[in-house]
All heavy atoms as atom14 arrays in JSON, in Angstrom:
{
  "sequence": "QFGLAKRNTLPRECLRCQYRQLCHGECPKHRFAA",
  "atom14_mask": [
    [1, 1, 1, 1, 1, 1, 1, 1, 1, 0, 0, 0, 0, 0],
    [1, 1, 1, 1, 1, 1, 1, 1, 1, 1, 1, 0, 0, 0],
    [1, 1, 1, 1, 0, 0, 0, 0, 0, 0, 0, 0, 0, 0],
    [1, 1, 1, 1, 1, 1, 1, 1, 0, 0, 0, 0, 0, 0],
    [1, 1, 1, 1, 1, 0, 0, 0, 0, 0, 0, 0, 0, 0],
    [1, 1, 1, 1, 1, 1, 1, 1, 1, 0, 0, 0, 0, 0],
    [1, 1, 1, 1, 1, 1, 1, 1, 1, 1, 1, 0, 0, 0],
    [1, 1, 1, 1, 1, 1, 1, 1, 0, 0, 0, 0, 0, 0],
    [1, 1, 1, 1, 1, 1, 1, 0, 0, 0, 0, 0, 0, 0],
    [1, 1, 1, 1, 1, 1, 1, 1, 0, 0, 0, 0, 0, 0],
    [1, 1, 1, 1, 1, 1, 1, 0, 0, 0, 0, 0, 0, 0],
    [1, 1, 1, 1, 1, 1, 1, 1, 1, 1, 1, 0, 0, 0],
    [1, 1, 1, 1, 1, 1, 1, 1, 1, 0, 0, 0, 0, 0],
    [1, 1, 1, 1, 1, 1, 0, 0, 0, 0, 0, 0, 0, 0],
    [1, 1, 1, 1, 1, 1, 1, 1, 0, 0, 0, 0, 0, 0],
    [1, 1, 1, 1, 1, 1, 1, 1, 1, 1, 1, 0, 0, 0],
    [1, 1, 1, 1, 1, 1, 0, 0, 0, 0, 0, 0, 0, 0],
    [1, 1, 1, 1, 1, 1, 1, 1, 1, 0, 0, 0, 0, 0],
    [1, 1, 1, 1, 1, 1, 1, 1, 1, 1, 1, 1, 0, 0],
    [1, 1, 1, 1, 1, 1, 1, 1, 1, 1, 1, 0, 0, 0],
    [1, 1, 1, 1, 1, 1, 1, 1, 1, 0, 0, 0, 0, 0],
    [1, 1, 1, 1, 1, 1, 1, 1, 0, 0, 0, 0, 0, 0],
    [1, 1, 1, 1, 1, 1, 0, 0, 0, 0, 0, 0, 0, 0],
    [1, 1, 1, 1, 1, 1, 1, 1, 1, 1, 0, 0, 0, 0],
    [1, 1, 1, 1, 0, 0, 0, 0, 0, 0, 0, 0, 0, 0],
    [1, 1, 1, 1, 1, 1, 1, 1, 1, 0, 0, 0, 0, 0],
    [1, 1, 1, 1, 1, 1, 0, 0, 0, 0, 0, 0, 0, 0],
    [1, 1, 1, 1, 1, 1, 1, 0, 0, 0, 0, 0, 0, 0],
    [1, 1, 1, 1, 1, 1, 1, 1, 1, 0, 0, 0, 0, 0],
    [1, 1, 1, 1, 1, 1, 1, 1, 1, 1, 0, 0, 0, 0],
    [1, 1, 1, 1, 1, 1, 1, 1, 1, 1, 1, 0, 0, 0],
    [1, 1, 1, 1, 1, 1, 1, 1, 1, 1, 1, 0, 0, 0],
    [1, 1, 1, 1, 1, 0, 0, 0, 0, 0, 0, 0, 0, 0],
    [1, 1, 1, 1, 1, 0, 0, 0, 0, 0, 0, 0, 0, 0]
  ],
  "atom14_positions": [
    [[0.77, -1.21, 0.03], [-0.01, -0.07, 0.0], [0.82, 1.23, -0.07], [0.53, 2.25, -0.69], [-0.91, -0.03, 1.21], [-2.0, -1.08, 1.25], [-3.2, -0.8, 0.19], [-3.03, 0.1, -0.76], [-4.23, -1.48, 0.43], [0.0, 0.0, 0.0], [0.0, 0.0, 0.0], [0.0, 0.0, 0.0], [0.0, 0.0, 0.0], [0.0, 0.0, 0.0]],
    [[1.95, 1.21, 0.75], [2.9, 2.39, 0.67], [3.45, 2.53, -0.65], [3.43, 3.79, -1.07], [4.1, 2.09, 1.76], [5.01, 3.21, 1.57], [4.94, 4.21, 2.51], [6.23, 3.16, 0.84], [5.9, 5.31, 2.42], [7.09, 4.22, 0.76], [6.99, 5.29, 1.58], [0.0, 0.0, 0.0], [0.0, 0.0, 0.0], [0.0, 0.0, 0.0]],
    [[3.8, 1.53, -1.3], [4.33, 1.68, -2.68], [3.26, 2.15, -3.7], [3.6, 3.09, -4.59], [0.0, 0.0, 0.0], [0.0, 0.0, 0.0], [0.0, 0.0, 0.0], [0.0, 0.0, 0.0], [0.0, 0.0, 0.0], [0.0, 0.0, 0.0], [0.0, 0.0, 0.0], [0.0, 0.0, 0.0], [0.0, 0.0, 0.0], [0.0, 0.0, 0.0]],
    [[2.04, 1.74, -3.59], [0.96, 2.05, -4.51], [0.52, 3.48, -4.26], [-0.08, 4.08, -5.2], [-0.22, 1.04, -4.35], [0.04, -0.34, -4.8], [-1.13, -1.19, -4.52], [0.41, -0.44, -6.37], [0.0, 0.0, 0.0], [0.0, 0.0, 0.0], [0.0, 0.0, 0.0], [0.0, 0.0, 0.0], [0.0, 0.0, 0.0], [0.0, 0.0, 0.0]],
    [[0.68, 4.0, -2.99], [0.23, 5.32, -2.7], [0.79, 6.38, -3.58], [0.16, 7.43, -3.88], [0.34, 5.6, -1.22], [0.0, 0.0, 0.0], [0.0, 0.0, 0.0], [0.0, 0.0, 0.0], [0.0, 0.0, 0.0], [0.0, 0.0, 0.0], [0.0, 0.0, 0.0], [0.0, 0.0, 0.0], [0.0, 0.0, 0.0], [0.0, 0.0, 0.0]],
    [[2.06, 6.13, -3.97], [2.72, 7.12, -4.92], [1.89, 7.33, -6.09], [1.67, 8.5, -6.6], [4.09, 6.68, -5.34], [4.81, 7.69, -6.05], [6.19, 7.22, -6.39], [6.92, 8.37, -7.36], [8.13, 7.96, -7.88], [0.0, 0.0, 0.0], [0.0, 0.0, 0.0], [0.0, 0.0, 0.0], [0.0, 0.0, 0.0], [0.0, 0.0, 0.0]],
    [[1.36, 6.27, -6.67], [0.54, 6.44, -7.9], [-0.89, 6.8, -7.67], [-1.5, 7.68, -8.28], [0.46, 5.12, -8.71], [-0.21, 5.13, -10.09], [-0.26, 3.65, -10.56], [-0.52, 3.67, -12.0], [-1.76, 3.71, -12.59], [-2.79, 3.84, -11.78], [-1.85, 3.72, -13.87], [0.0, 0.0, 0.0], [0.0, 0.0, 0.0], [0.0, 0.0, 0.0]],
    [[-1.51, 6.19, -6.59], [-2.85, 6.39, -6.3], [-3.29, 7.68, -5.64], [-4.52, 8.03, -5.63], [-3.41, 5.18, -5.41], [-3.35, 3.84, -6.2], [-3.35, 3.82, -7.44], [-3.41, 2.75, -5.42], [0.0, 0.0, 0.0], [0.0, 0.0, 0.0], [0.0, 0.0, 0.0], [0.0, 0.0, 0.0], [0.0, 0.0, 0.0], [0.0, 0.0, 0.0]],
    [[-2.31, 8.43, -5.17], [-2.7, 9.74, -4.52], [-2.2, 10.89, -5.2], [-2.22, 12.02, -4.62], [-2.08, 9.79, -3.1], [-0.62, 9.67, -3.1], [-2.54, 8.65, -2.25], [0.0, 0.0, 0.0], [0.0, 0.0, 0.0], [0.0, 0.0, 0.0], [0.0, 0.0, 0.0], [0.0, 0.0, 0.0], [0.0, 0.0, 0.0], [0.0, 0.0, 0.0]],
    [[-1.92, 10.75, -6.59], [-1.5, 11.9, -7.32], [-2.66, 12.85, -7.35], [-3.84, 12.47, -7.64], [-1.12, 11.5, -8.8], [0.18, 10.85, -9.01], [0.26, 10.37, -10.41], [1.32, 11.82, -8.72], [0.0, 0.0, 0.0], [0.0, 0.0, 0.0], [0.0, 0.0, 0.0], [0.0, 0.0, 0.0], [0.0, 0.0, 0.0], [0.0, 0.0, 0.0]],
    [[-2.43, 14.2, -7.31], [-3.52, 15.23, -7.34], [-3.85, 15.25, -8.74], [-3.19, 14.94, -9.72], [-2.88, 16.42, -6.86], [-1.42, 16.36, -7.03], [-1.16, 14.86, -6.82], [0.0, 0.0, 0.0], [0.0, 0.0, 0.0], [0.0, 0.0, 0.0], [0.0, 0.0, 0.0], [0.0, 0.0, 0.0], [0.0, 0.0, 0.0], [0.0, 0.0, 0.0]],
    [[-5.0, 15.94, -9.09], [-5.6, 16.06, -10.39], [-4.59, 16.84, -11.33], [-4.57, 16.53, -12.58], [-6.97, 16.76, -10.44], [-8.08, 15.78, -9.84], [-9.33, 16.72, -9.63], [-9.18, 17.68, -8.39], [-10.13, 18.48, -8.12], [-11.29, 18.53, -8.83], [-9.89, 19.38, -7.18], [0.0, 0.0, 0.0], [0.0, 0.0, 0.0], [0.0, 0.0, 0.0]],
    [[-4.02, 17.8, -10.86], [-2.92, 18.57, -11.65], [-1.88, 17.61, -12.26], [-1.51, 17.74, -13.32], [-2.3, 19.65, -10.86], [-1.47, 20.64, -11.64], [-1.06, 21.82, -10.88], [-1.88, 22.25, -10.0], [0.08, 22.28, -11.0], [0.0, 0.0, 0.0], [0.0, 0.0, 0.0], [0.0, 0.0, 0.0], [0.0, 0.0, 0.0], [0.0, 0.0, 0.0]],
    [[-1.47, 16.61, -11.39], [-0.46, 15.68, -11.93], [-1.06, 14.76, -12.98], [-0.45, 14.36, -14.06], [0.1, 14.81, -10.8], [1.19, 15.81, -9.69], [0.0, 0.0, 0.0], [0.0, 0.0, 0.0], [0.0, 0.0, 0.0], [0.0, 0.0, 0.0], [0.0, 0.0, 0.0], [0.0, 0.0, 0.0], [0.0, 0.0, 0.0], [0.0, 0.0, 0.0]],
    [[-2.42, 14.29, -12.68], [-2.96, 13.46, -13.67], [-3.2, 14.06, -15.07], [-3.18, 13.31, -16.11], [-4.36, 12.88, -13.19], [-4.23, 12.16, -11.86], [-5.67, 11.85, -11.3], [-3.46, 10.93, -11.96], [0.0, 0.0, 0.0], [0.0, 0.0, 0.0], [0.0, 0.0, 0.0], [0.0, 0.0, 0.0], [0.0, 0.0, 0.0], [0.0, 0.0, 0.0]],
    [[-3.32, 15.37, -15.06], [-3.56, 16.03, -16.42], [-2.19, 16.56, -16.91], [-2.24, 17.08, -18.1], [-4.42, 17.29, -16.19], [-5.88, 16.92, -15.71], [-6.76, 18.17, -15.78], [-6.35, 19.28, -14.89], [-6.94, 19.41, -13.72], [-7.83, 18.64, -13.18], [-6.4, 20.43, -12.85], [0.0, 0.0, 0.0], [0.0, 0.0, 0.0], [0.0, 0.0, 0.0]],
    [[-1.11, 16.45, -16.25], [0.16, 17.06, -16.59], [0.8, 16.27, -17.78], [0.84, 15.02, -17.8], [1.13, 16.97, -15.54], [2.82, 17.74, -15.96], [0.0, 0.0, 0.0], [0.0, 0.0, 0.0], [0.0, 0.0, 0.0], [0.0, 0.0, 0.0], [0.0, 0.0, 0.0], [0.0, 0.0, 0.0], [0.0, 0.0, 0.0], [0.0, 0.0, 0.0]],
    [[1.31, 17.01, -18.81], [1.98, 16.4, -19.98], [3.3, 15.74, -19.68], [3.79, 14.91, -20.32], [2.16, 17.42, -20.94], [3.15, 18.56, -20.66], [3.37, 19.57, -21.75], [3.66, 19.23, -22.83], [3.31, 20.87, -21.53], [0.0, 0.0, 0.0], [0.0, 0.0, 0.0], [0.0, 0.0, 0.0], [0.0, 0.0, 0.0], [0.0, 0.0, 0.0]],
    [[3.83, 16.03, -18.42], [5.13, 15.41, -18.08], [4.95, 14.27, -16.96], [5.91, 13.83, -16.43], [6.02, 16.53, -17.51], [6.3, 17.62, -18.5], [6.0, 18.88, -18.15], [6.9, 17.39, -19.79], [6.12, 19.87, -19.0], [7.06, 18.35, -20.53], [6.73, 19.72, -20.26], [7.01, 20.72, -21.14], [0.0, 0.0, 0.0], [0.0, 0.0, 0.0]],
    [[3.71, 13.92, -16.81], [3.42, 12.9, -15.68], [4.24, 11.68, -15.89], [4.8, 11.14, -14.88], [1.97, 12.53, -15.78], [1.58, 11.34, -14.79], [0.23, 10.84, -14.95], [-0.1, 9.73, -14.14], [-1.25, 9.11, -14.19], [-2.26, 9.56, -15.02], [-1.38, 7.89, -13.53], [0.0, 0.0, 0.0], [0.0, 0.0, 0.0], [0.0, 0.0, 0.0]],
    [[4.39, 11.16, -17.14], [5.13, 9.96, -17.44], [6.74, 10.03, -17.12], [7.44, 9.1, -17.25], [4.88, 9.33, -18.76], [3.49, 9.05, -18.95], [2.82, 8.06, -17.95], [3.51, 7.0, -17.52], [1.7, 8.37, -17.51], [0.0, 0.0, 0.0], [0.0, 0.0, 0.0], [0.0, 0.0, 0.0], [0.0, 0.0, 0.0], [0.0, 0.0, 0.0]],
    [[7.13, 11.31, -16.98], [8.51, 11.54, -16.79], [8.95, 11.56, -15.36], [10.04, 11.11, -15.0], [9.0, 12.91, -17.44], [8.74, 12.93, -18.95], [9.28, 14.33, -19.37], [9.61, 11.78, -19.65], [0.0, 0.0, 0.0], [0.0, 0.0, 0.0], [0.0, 0.0, 0.0], [0.0, 0.0, 0.0], [0.0, 0.0, 0.0], [0.0, 0.0, 0.0]],
    [[7.99, 12.0, -14.49], [8.42, 12.11, -13.04], [7.47, 11.32, -12.12], [7.77, 10.97, -10.97], [8.46, 13.59, -12.56], [6.86, 14.28, -12.34], [0.0, 0.0, 0.0], [0.0, 0.0, 0.0], [0.0, 0.0, 0.0], [0.0, 0.0, 0.0], [0.0, 0.0, 0.0], [0.0, 0.0, 0.0], [0.0, 0.0, 0.0], [0.0, 0.0, 0.0]],
    [[6.19, 11.13, -12.56], [5.11, 10.36, -11.72], [5.02, 11.06, -10.37], [4.83, 10.25, -9.36], [5.56, 8.84, -11.53], [5.6, 8.17, -12.85], [4.45, 7.8, -13.58], [6.79, 7.65, -13.68], [4.88, 7.13, -14.7], [6.15, 7.04, -14.76], [0.0, 0.0, 0.0], [0.0, 0.0, 0.0], [0.0, 0.0, 0.0], [0.0, 0.0, 0.0]],
    [[5.18, 12.28, -10.28], [5.05, 13.0, -8.98], [6.22, 12.99, -8.28], [6.19, 13.6, -7.07], [0.0, 0.0, 0.0], [0.0, 0.0, 0.0], [0.0, 0.0, 0.0], [0.0, 0.0, 0.0], [0.0, 0.0, 0.0], [0.0, 0.0, 0.0], [0.0, 0.0, 0.0], [0.0, 0.0, 0.0], [0.0, 0.0, 0.0], [0.0, 0.0, 0.0]],
    [[7.3, 12.46, -8.67], [8.63, 12.48, -8.01], [8.53, 11.79, -6.64], [7.58, 11.09, -6.34], [9.29, 13.91, -8.0], [10.79, 13.8, -8.04], [11.4, 14.36, -6.64], [10.6, 14.85, -5.81], [12.52, 14.21, -6.45], [0.0, 0.0, 0.0], [0.0, 0.0, 0.0], [0.0, 0.0, 0.0], [0.0, 0.0, 0.0], [0.0, 0.0, 0.0]],
    [[9.47, 12.06, -5.68], [9.47, 11.4, -4.34], [8.33, 11.87, -3.59], [8.0, 13.05, -3.38], [10.77, 11.67, -3.69], [10.92, 10.88, -2.08], [0.0, 0.0, 0.0], [0.0, 0.0, 0.0], [0.0, 0.0, 0.0], [0.0, 0.0, 0.0], [0.0, 0.0, 0.0], [0.0, 0.0, 0.0], [0.0, 0.0, 0.0], [0.0, 0.0, 0.0]],
    [[7.63, 10.91, -2.91], [6.5, 11.24, -1.9], [6.96, 12.24, -0.79], [6.17, 13.02, -0.24], [6.02, 9.89, -1.49], [6.29, 8.99, -2.52], [7.54, 9.45, -3.11], [0.0, 0.0, 0.0], [0.0, 0.0, 0.0], [0.0, 0.0, 0.0], [0.0, 0.0, 0.0], [0.0, 0.0, 0.0], [0.0, 0.0, 0.0], [0.0, 0.0, 0.0]],
    [[8.25, 12.14, -0.53], [8.83, 13.09, 0.5], [8.49, 14.48, 0.24], [8.34, 15.31, 1.16], [10.31, 12.75, 0.65], [11.04, 13.75, 1.55], [12.54, 13.47, 1.4], [13.27, 14.47, 2.39], [13.39, 15.72, 1.78], [0.0, 0.0, 0.0], [0.0, 0.0, 0.0], [0.0, 0.0, 0.0], [0.0, 0.0, 0.0], [0.0, 0.0, 0.0]],
    [[8.55, 14.83, -1.06], [8.43, 16.26, -1.45], [6.96, 16.63, -1.91], [6.7, 17.73, -2.14], [9.3, 16.47, -2.76], [10.76, 16.36, -2.38], [11.62, 15.72, -3.35], [11.5, 16.7, -1.33], [12.82, 15.76, -2.83], [12.76, 16.32, -1.62], [0.0, 0.0, 0.0], [0.0, 0.0, 0.0], [0.0, 0.0, 0.0], [0.0, 0.0, 0.0]],
    [[6.03, 15.71, -1.66], [4.62, 16.01, -2.09], [3.74, 16.52, -1.04], [2.92, 15.85, -0.42], [4.02, 14.67, -2.66], [4.65, 14.41, -4.13], [4.5, 12.97, -4.57], [3.17, 12.6, -4.61], [2.78, 11.39, -5.27], [3.58, 10.68, -5.91], [1.51, 11.06, -5.26], [0.0, 0.0, 0.0], [0.0, 0.0, 0.0], [0.0, 0.0, 0.0]],
    [[4.17, 17.75, -0.6], [3.48, 18.32, 0.56], [2.88, 19.72, 0.15], [2.24, 20.4, 0.98], [4.4, 18.54, 1.72], [5.56, 19.32, 1.42], [5.7, 20.66, 1.37], [6.87, 18.58, 1.13], [6.87, 21.44, 1.08], [8.1, 19.29, 1.02], [8.06, 20.62, 0.92], [0.0, 0.0, 0.0], [0.0, 0.0, 0.0], [0.0, 0.0, 0.0]],
    [[2.88, 20.07, -1.13], [2.29, 21.34, -1.49], [0.84, 21.08, -1.95], [0.4, 20.02, -2.1], [3.09, 22.01, -2.69], [0.0, 0.0, 0.0], [0.0, 0.0, 0.0], [0.0, 0.0, 0.0], [0.0, 0.0, 0.0], [0.0, 0.0, 0.0], [0.0, 0.0, 0.0], [0.0, 0.0, 0.0], [0.0, 0.0, 0.0], [0.0, 0.0, 0.0]],
    [[0.14, 22.29, -2.15], [-1.24, 22.17, -2.69], [-1.15, 22.64, -4.18], [-0.39, 23.51, -4.59], [-2.12, 23.1, -1.91], [0.0, 0.0, 0.0], [0.0, 0.0, 0.0], [0.0, 0.0, 0.0], [0.0, 0.0, 0.0], [0.0, 0.0, 0.0], [0.0, 0.0, 0.0], [0.0, 0.0, 0.0], [0.0, 0.0, 0.0], [0.0, 0.0, 0.0]]
  ]
}
């Protein structure tokens, strides 16, 4: 579940991003912004 959360908790902005496949939201450690 920890590993899958990286993919499953992407915000809508990431899901629509043209660069999603290049970074996949990068490290969850840095995913604290709105």
